Amino acid sequence: MKYFTPLFLLFIYSCLNISITENESKALDQVKTYCDCTINKTTKVKSTKTNNANSFEIEINKSNRIDKGDLSEELKTIANIFYNNLGDEKIQFDEIIIHYNDKQKTSKFLTKDLVMVE
């Protein structure tokens, strides 16, 4: 019984942890290249009864490029870069959320409003 609780918790955690795909990983690499930043965390959020959107959240720190430009425009550019590098997986997401921790700024972008590059 003493081993049951840790194993059960590990099982629950692994079920909740949604791993990123190869396309998502490549898209994140493009974001890192563009903004020369540190990506602390990524989260995929599937739609639920209370949240009707499939989201991909990216948490960014330490970017000289973002700090030098217009913050809102830079975050939108990052969302566009990520979204346009997803390939066929674009249809899986309704919104891209960018958290920039250095400025305590969070921006949410609906994928239907992002610029699609073919």
Protein backbone atom coordinates (compact mmCIF):
# COMPACT_ATOMS: atom_id res chain seq x y z
CA MET A 1 0.00 0.00 0.00
CA LYS A 2 2.85 2.43 0.71
CA TYR A 3 3.96 2.16 -2.96
CA PHE A 4 0.47 2.61 -4.33
CA THR A 5 0.16 6.37 -3.67
CA PRO A 6 3.41 7.47 -5.41
CA LEU A 7 2.71 5.20 -8.38
CA PHE A 8 -0.85 6.45 -8.64
CA LEU A 9 0.29 10.09 -8.57
CA LEU A 10 2.92 9.39 -11.23
CA PHE A 11 0.26 7.75 -13.41
CA ILE A 12 -2.08 10.73 -13.05
CA TYR A 13 0.72 13.19 -13.86
CA SER A 14 1.75 11.28 -16.99
CA CYS A 15 -1.84 11.24 -18.22
CA LEU A 16 -2.17 15.01 -17.77
CA ASN A 17 1.18 15.80 -19.35
CA ILE A 18 0.60 16.35 -23.07
CA SER A 19 3.85 16.16 -24.98
CA ILE A 20 4.62 18.41 -27.92
CA THR A 21 4.88 17.11 -31.46
CA GLU A 22 7.83 17.34 -33.81
CA ASN A 23 6.16 20.18 -35.76
CA GLU A 24 5.51 22.11 -32.55
CA SER A 25 9.13 21.61 -31.52
CA LYS A 26 10.35 22.92 -34.90
CA ALA A 27 8.00 25.91 -34.64
CA LEU A 28 9.40 26.68 -31.16
CA ASP A 29 12.93 26.50 -32.59
CA GLN A 30 11.93 29.12 -35.16
CA VAL A 31 10.61 31.34 -32.35
CA LYS A 32 13.89 30.95 -30.43
CA THR A 33 15.87 31.82 -33.55
CA TYR A 34 13.77 34.90 -34.26
CA CYS A 35 13.75 36.46 -30.81
CA ASP A 36 16.97 35.00 -29.38
CA CYS A 37 15.14 34.10 -26.20
CA THR A 38 14.74 31.46 -23.55
CA ILE A 39 11.53 29.45 -23.71
CA ASN A 40 10.73 28.39 -20.16
CA LYS A 41 7.58 26.45 -20.67
CA THR A 42 5.06 25.39 -23.26
CA THR A 43 1.56 24.18 -22.55
CA LYS A 44 -1.13 22.71 -24.75
CA VAL A 45 -4.62 23.26 -23.40
CA LYS A 46 -7.43 21.22 -24.88
CA SER A 47 -10.94 22.58 -24.98
CA THR A 48 -13.20 21.74 -22.04
CA LYS A 49 -16.70 22.64 -20.92
CA THR A 50 -15.42 25.91 -19.44
CA ASN A 51 -12.83 26.65 -22.14
CA ASN A 52 -13.94 26.32 -25.75
CA ALA A 53 -10.51 26.89 -27.28
CA ASN A 54 -7.57 24.63 -28.01
CA SER A 55 -4.59 26.74 -27.03
CA PHE A 56 -0.81 26.60 -27.20
CA GLU A 57 0.92 28.72 -24.57
CA ILE A 58 4.55 29.80 -24.81
CA GLU A 59 6.39 31.34 -21.86
CA ILE A 60 9.40 33.43 -22.90
CA ASN A 61 12.21 35.12 -20.97
CA LYS A 62 15.26 37.17 -21.82
CA SER A 63 14.99 38.50 -25.35
CA ASN A 64 16.98 41.54 -26.48
CA ARG A 65 14.91 41.67 -29.67
CA ILE A 66 11.60 41.89 -27.83
CA ASP A 67 12.96 44.47 -25.40
CA LYS A 68 14.13 46.72 -28.26
CA GLY A 69 10.91 46.65 -30.28
CA ASP A 70 7.24 47.43 -29.80
CA LEU A 71 6.21 44.76 -27.26
CA SER A 72 2.73 44.09 -28.63
CA GLU A 73 3.94 43.83 -32.23
CA GLU A 74 6.85 41.56 -31.26
CA LEU A 75 4.53 39.18 -29.40
CA LYS A 76 2.18 39.07 -32.40
CA THR A 77 5.13 38.34 -34.69
CA ILE A 78 6.18 35.48 -32.40
CA ALA A 79 2.65 34.05 -32.48
CA ASN A 80 2.68 34.29 -36.30
CA ILE A 81 6.08 32.59 -36.56
CA PHE A 82 4.97 29.76 -34.29
CA TYR A 83 1.62 29.31 -36.02
CA ASN A 84 3.02 29.40 -39.55
CA ASN A 85 5.65 26.78 -38.75
CA LEU A 86 3.14 24.22 -37.45
CA GLY A 87 2.47 22.75 -40.87
CA ASP A 88 -0.69 20.63 -40.99
CA GLU A 89 -1.11 20.96 -37.22
CA LYS A 90 -2.34 24.57 -37.56
CA ILE A 91 -5.94 23.36 -37.52
CA GLN A 92 -5.52 21.94 -34.00
CA PHE A 93 -5.30 25.36 -32.33
CA ASP A 94 -7.78 28.17 -31.90
CA GLU A 95 -5.40 30.50 -30.09
CA ILE A 96 -1.73 31.09 -29.37
CA ILE A 97 -0.89 32.65 -26.00
CA ILE A 98 2.48 34.30 -25.44
CA HIS A 99 3.71 35.10 -21.91
CA TYR A 100 6.71 37.42 -21.78
CA ASN A 101 7.91 37.27 -18.20
CA ASP A 102 10.52 40.04 -18.34
CA LYS A 103 7.74 42.61 -18.85
CA GLN A 104 4.95 40.65 -17.13
CA LYS A 105 2.95 40.75 -20.37
CA THR A 106 0.56 38.13 -21.72
CA SER A 107 -1.04 38.34 -25.14
CA LYS A 108 -3.62 36.02 -26.64
CA PHE A 109 -3.97 35.70 -30.41
CA LEU A 110 -6.81 33.94 -32.17
CA THR A 111 -5.37 31.83 -34.97
CA LYS A 112 -8.05 33.08 -37.37
CA ASP A 113 -6.54 36.57 -36.95
CA LEU A 114 -2.93 35.53 -37.51
CA VAL A 115 -1.29 36.06 -40.90
CA MET A 116 -1.15 32.77 -42.76
CA VAL A 117 1.95 32.27 -44.90
CA GLU A 118 1.75 29.57 -47.56
